[in-house]
């Protein structure tokens, strides 16, 4: 696993949910319009 340093304001720890042909990670509505980064911290489960 690689290590990254990211400067930011808040962290949300959540699960990725399947949606159509892709997936979603939900964040607070107040984050709309903000620049965000998503970092995968584990291998995906093969289903």
C-alpha atoms as a PDB file:
ATOM      1  CA  UNK A   1       0.000   0.000   0.000  1.00  0.00           C
ATOM      2  CA  UNK A   2       1.252   3.454  -0.861  1.00  0.00           C
ATOM      3  CA  UNK A   3       1.144   6.399   1.503  1.00  0.00           C
ATOM      4  CA  UNK A   4      -0.244   9.802   0.522  1.00  0.00           C
ATOM      5  CA  UNK A   5      -0.239  13.128   2.321  1.00  0.00           C
ATOM      6  CA  UNK A   6      -3.359  15.218   1.638  1.00  0.00           C
ATOM      7  CA  UNK A   7      -4.153  18.577   3.215  1.00  0.00           C
ATOM      8  CA  UNK A   8      -7.865  19.000   3.818  1.00  0.00           C
ATOM      9  CA  UNK A   9     -10.698  20.073   6.097  1.00  0.00           C
ATOM     10  CA  UNK A  10     -12.736  16.927   6.882  1.00  0.00           C
ATOM     11  CA  UNK A  11     -12.632  13.163   6.369  1.00  0.00           C
ATOM     12  CA  UNK A  12     -15.617  10.893   5.767  1.00  0.00           C
ATOM     13  CA  UNK A  13     -15.089   7.163   6.293  1.00  0.00           C
ATOM     14  CA  UNK A  14     -17.671   5.220   4.307  1.00  0.00           C
ATOM     15  CA  UNK A  15     -18.458   2.307   2.020  1.00  0.00           C
ATOM     16  CA  UNK A  16     -18.750   2.330  -1.754  1.00  0.00           C
ATOM     17  CA  UNK A  17     -22.250   1.313  -2.891  1.00  0.00           C
ATOM     18  CA  UNK A  18     -23.068  -0.193  -6.296  1.00  0.00           C
ATOM     19  CA  UNK A  19     -25.177   1.999  -8.553  1.00  0.00           C
ATOM     20  CA  UNK A  20     -25.981   1.198 -12.203  1.00  0.00           C
ATOM     21  CA  UNK A  21     -22.690   0.498 -14.000  1.00  0.00           C
ATOM     22  CA  UNK A  22     -20.654   2.327 -11.357  1.00  0.00           C
ATOM     23  CA  UNK A  23     -20.544   3.077  -7.658  1.00  0.00           C
ATOM     24  CA  UNK A  24     -21.162   5.934  -5.194  1.00  0.00           C
ATOM     25  CA  UNK A  25     -19.516   7.243  -2.065  1.00  0.00           C
ATOM     26  CA  UNK A  26     -21.889   9.507  -0.159  1.00  0.00           C
ATOM     27  CA  UNK A  27     -20.606  12.717   1.418  1.00  0.00           C
ATOM     28  CA  UNK A  28     -22.432  15.473   3.309  1.00  0.00           C
ATOM     29  CA  UNK A  29     -24.694  17.681   1.168  1.00  0.00           C
ATOM     30  CA  UNK A  30     -22.799  20.757   2.363  1.00  0.00           C
ATOM     31  CA  UNK A  31     -19.795  19.471   0.354  1.00  0.00           C
ATOM     32  CA  UNK A  32     -21.606  20.143  -2.956  1.00  0.00           C
ATOM     33  CA  UNK A  33     -19.366  22.130  -5.283  1.00  0.00           C
ATOM     34  CA  UNK A  34     -16.213  21.355  -3.261  1.00  0.00           C
ATOM     35  CA  UNK A  35     -13.078  19.745  -4.670  1.00  0.00           C
ATOM     36  CA  UNK A  36     -12.722  16.265  -3.115  1.00  0.00           C
ATOM     37  CA  UNK A  37     -10.374  13.296  -3.426  1.00  0.00           C
ATOM     38  CA  UNK A  38     -11.306   9.647  -2.926  1.00  0.00           C
ATOM     39  CA  UNK A  39      -8.603   7.211  -1.786  1.00  0.00           C
ATOM     40  CA  UNK A  40      -9.184   3.437  -1.856  1.00  0.00           C
ATOM     41  CA  UNK A  41      -7.775   1.934   1.362  1.00  0.00           C
ATOM     42  CA  UNK A  42      -8.591  -1.765   0.795  1.00  0.00           C
ATOM     43  CA  UNK A  43      -8.999  -4.232  -2.053  1.00  0.00           C
ATOM     44  CA  UNK A  44     -12.550  -4.483  -3.400  1.00  0.00           C
ATOM     45  CA  UNK A  45     -14.619  -7.555  -2.545  1.00  0.00           C
ATOM     46  CA  UNK A  46     -15.250  -9.694  -5.637  1.00  0.00           C
ATOM     47  CA  UNK A  47     -18.942 -10.541  -5.736  1.00  0.00           C
END
